[in-house]
Amino acid sequence: MLSRTTQIAVGAVLLLVGSALILGVGLQQVELPGAVGGVAAMVMAVGTLLLGTSEGGRPV
């Protein structure tokens, strides 16, 4: 299992990359293929999951 600080760092990077991909393409008004949008959404979900479970105890 990842250490707490590594889990926070990886989660933050994944969340940032997924958000930047979706927002960057949206601001340029370029058509985003469904597969790319799906991957970006999954990357954001994994990043959020890592950040949410980085603390000890039971995640909400």
N, C-alpha and C. Protein backbone atom coordinates (compact mmCIF):
# COMPACT_ATOMS: atom_id res chain seq x y z
N MET A 1 0.84 -1.19 0.00
CA MET A 1 0.00 0.00 0.00
C MET A 1 0.88 1.24 0.00
N LEU A 2 0.39 2.29 -0.58
CA LEU A 2 1.13 3.55 -0.65
C LEU A 2 1.15 4.23 0.71
N SER A 3 2.22 4.96 0.98
CA SER A 3 2.26 5.74 2.21
C SER A 3 1.27 6.90 2.09
N ARG A 4 0.97 7.50 3.22
CA ARG A 4 -0.05 8.56 3.25
C ARG A 4 0.32 9.74 2.36
N THR A 5 1.56 10.21 2.46
CA THR A 5 1.97 11.37 1.66
C THR A 5 2.04 11.02 0.17
N THR A 6 2.47 9.81 -0.15
CA THR A 6 2.50 9.39 -1.54
C THR A 6 1.10 9.29 -2.10
N GLN A 7 0.18 8.78 -1.31
CA GLN A 7 -1.21 8.64 -1.74
C GLN A 7 -1.83 10.01 -1.99
N ILE A 8 -1.55 10.98 -1.13
CA ILE A 8 -2.06 12.33 -1.32
C ILE A 8 -1.47 12.96 -2.58
N ALA A 9 -0.17 12.80 -2.77
CA ALA A 9 0.49 13.40 -3.93
C ALA A 9 -0.01 12.79 -5.24
N VAL A 10 -0.11 11.47 -5.29
CA VAL A 10 -0.57 10.80 -6.51
C VAL A 10 -2.03 11.16 -6.78
N GLY A 11 -2.85 11.19 -5.75
CA GLY A 11 -4.25 11.56 -5.92
C GLY A 11 -4.41 12.97 -6.43
N ALA A 12 -3.62 13.90 -5.88
CA ALA A 12 -3.71 15.29 -6.33
C ALA A 12 -3.26 15.45 -7.77
N VAL A 13 -2.20 14.75 -8.14
CA VAL A 13 -1.72 14.83 -9.53
C VAL A 13 -2.75 14.25 -10.50
N LEU A 14 -3.34 13.11 -10.15
CA LEU A 14 -4.35 12.51 -11.02
C LEU A 14 -5.57 13.41 -11.16
N LEU A 15 -6.00 13.99 -10.05
CA LEU A 15 -7.15 14.88 -10.09
C LEU A 15 -6.84 16.12 -10.94
N LEU A 16 -5.65 16.65 -10.81
CA LEU A 16 -5.24 17.82 -11.58
C LEU A 16 -5.14 17.50 -13.08
N VAL A 17 -4.57 16.36 -13.41
CA VAL A 17 -4.41 15.99 -14.82
C VAL A 17 -5.77 15.77 -15.48
N GLY A 18 -6.65 15.04 -14.82
CA GLY A 18 -7.98 14.80 -15.38
C GLY A 18 -8.77 16.08 -15.56
N SER A 19 -8.70 16.95 -14.56
CA SER A 19 -9.42 18.23 -14.64
C SER A 19 -8.84 19.11 -15.74
N ALA A 20 -7.52 19.16 -15.82
CA ALA A 20 -6.88 19.99 -16.84
C ALA A 20 -7.22 19.51 -18.25
N LEU A 21 -7.30 18.20 -18.41
CA LEU A 21 -7.64 17.66 -19.73
C LEU A 21 -9.05 18.06 -20.14
N ILE A 22 -9.99 17.89 -19.25
CA ILE A 22 -11.38 18.22 -19.58
C ILE A 22 -11.57 19.73 -19.74
N LEU A 23 -11.05 20.51 -18.79
CA LEU A 23 -11.23 21.96 -18.86
C LEU A 23 -10.43 22.59 -20.00
N GLY A 24 -9.22 22.10 -20.24
CA GLY A 24 -8.39 22.64 -21.31
C GLY A 24 -9.02 22.44 -22.67
N VAL A 25 -9.55 21.26 -22.91
CA VAL A 25 -10.20 20.98 -24.19
C VAL A 25 -11.49 21.78 -24.30
N GLY A 26 -12.21 21.92 -23.19
CA GLY A 26 -13.46 22.68 -23.21
C GLY A 26 -13.25 24.15 -23.48
N LEU A 27 -12.19 24.71 -22.92
CA LEU A 27 -11.92 26.13 -23.15
C LEU A 27 -11.46 26.43 -24.57
N GLN A 28 -10.84 25.45 -25.21
CA GLN A 28 -10.41 25.63 -26.59
C GLN A 28 -11.53 25.34 -27.58
N GLN A 29 -12.68 24.92 -27.07
CA GLN A 29 -13.85 24.59 -27.88
C GLN A 29 -13.54 23.56 -28.96
N VAL A 30 -12.79 22.54 -28.55
CA VAL A 30 -12.46 21.43 -29.43
C VAL A 30 -13.32 20.25 -29.03
N GLU A 31 -13.79 19.50 -29.99
CA GLU A 31 -14.61 18.33 -29.71
C GLU A 31 -13.78 17.28 -28.97
N LEU A 32 -14.26 16.83 -27.82
CA LEU A 32 -13.57 15.83 -27.01
C LEU A 32 -14.15 14.46 -27.32
N PRO A 33 -13.33 13.54 -27.85
CA PRO A 33 -13.85 12.19 -28.12
C PRO A 33 -14.35 11.53 -26.84
N GLY A 34 -15.35 10.68 -26.97
CA GLY A 34 -15.95 10.03 -25.81
C GLY A 34 -14.97 9.21 -25.01
N ALA A 35 -14.06 8.51 -25.68
CA ALA A 35 -13.09 7.68 -24.99
C ALA A 35 -12.14 8.53 -24.15
N VAL A 36 -11.72 9.66 -24.68
CA VAL A 36 -10.82 10.55 -23.94
C VAL A 36 -11.53 11.16 -22.74
N GLY A 37 -12.76 11.55 -22.93
CA GLY A 37 -13.54 12.09 -21.82
C GLY A 37 -13.78 11.05 -20.74
N GLY A 38 -14.02 9.82 -21.14
CA GLY A 38 -14.21 8.74 -20.18
C GLY A 38 -12.95 8.45 -19.39
N VAL A 39 -11.82 8.44 -20.07
CA VAL A 39 -10.54 8.21 -19.38
C VAL A 39 -10.25 9.36 -18.42
N ALA A 40 -10.49 10.59 -18.85
CA ALA A 40 -10.26 11.74 -17.98
C ALA A 40 -11.16 11.69 -16.75
N ALA A 41 -12.41 11.28 -16.92
CA ALA A 41 -13.32 11.16 -15.79
C ALA A 41 -12.87 10.05 -14.83
N MET A 42 -12.38 8.94 -15.37
CA MET A 42 -11.88 7.86 -14.51
C MET A 42 -10.63 8.28 -13.75
N VAL A 43 -9.75 9.04 -14.41
CA VAL A 43 -8.54 9.54 -13.74
C VAL A 43 -8.93 10.46 -12.59
N MET A 44 -9.92 11.31 -12.82
CA MET A 44 -10.39 12.19 -11.75
C MET A 44 -11.01 11.39 -10.61
N ALA A 45 -11.76 10.34 -10.94
CA ALA A 45 -12.39 9.51 -9.90
C ALA A 45 -11.34 8.78 -9.06
N VAL A 46 -10.31 8.25 -9.70
CA VAL A 46 -9.25 7.56 -8.96
C VAL A 46 -8.49 8.55 -8.07
N GLY A 47 -8.22 9.73 -8.60
CA GLY A 47 -7.54 10.75 -7.79
C GLY A 47 -8.36 11.15 -6.58
N THR A 48 -9.66 11.30 -6.77
CA THR A 48 -10.54 11.65 -5.66
C THR A 48 -10.60 10.52 -4.64
N LEU A 49 -10.64 9.29 -5.12
CA LEU A 49 -10.66 8.14 -4.22
C LEU A 49 -9.37 8.06 -3.40
N LEU A 50 -8.24 8.28 -4.03
CA LEU A 50 -6.97 8.26 -3.31
C LEU A 50 -6.92 9.36 -2.25
N LEU A 51 -7.37 10.55 -2.60
CA LEU A 51 -7.37 11.64 -1.63
C LEU A 51 -8.35 11.37 -0.49
N GLY A 52 -9.48 10.81 -0.80
CA GLY A 52 -10.50 10.56 0.21
C GLY A 52 -10.13 9.46 1.18
N THR A 53 -9.33 8.50 0.73
CA THR A 53 -8.95 7.39 1.60
C THR A 53 -7.55 7.56 2.18
N SER A 54 -6.95 8.71 2.04
CA SER A 54 -5.58 8.91 2.53
C SER A 54 -5.53 9.04 4.05
N GLU A 55 -6.59 9.49 4.65
CA GLU A 55 -6.64 9.59 6.11
C GLU A 55 -6.93 8.23 6.72
N GLY A 56 -6.50 8.04 7.93
CA GLY A 56 -6.81 6.80 8.63
C GLY A 56 -8.28 6.73 8.99
N GLY A 57 -8.74 5.55 9.30
CA GLY A 57 -10.14 5.40 9.67
C GLY A 57 -10.99 5.03 8.49
N ARG A 58 -12.27 5.11 8.71
CA ARG A 58 -13.25 4.70 7.72
C ARG A 58 -13.62 5.85 6.79
N PRO A 59 -13.45 5.67 5.46
CA PRO A 59 -13.84 6.74 4.55
C PRO A 59 -15.36 6.88 4.49
N VAL A 60 -15.81 8.09 4.29
CA VAL A 60 -17.25 8.35 4.24
C VAL A 60 -17.72 8.21 2.82
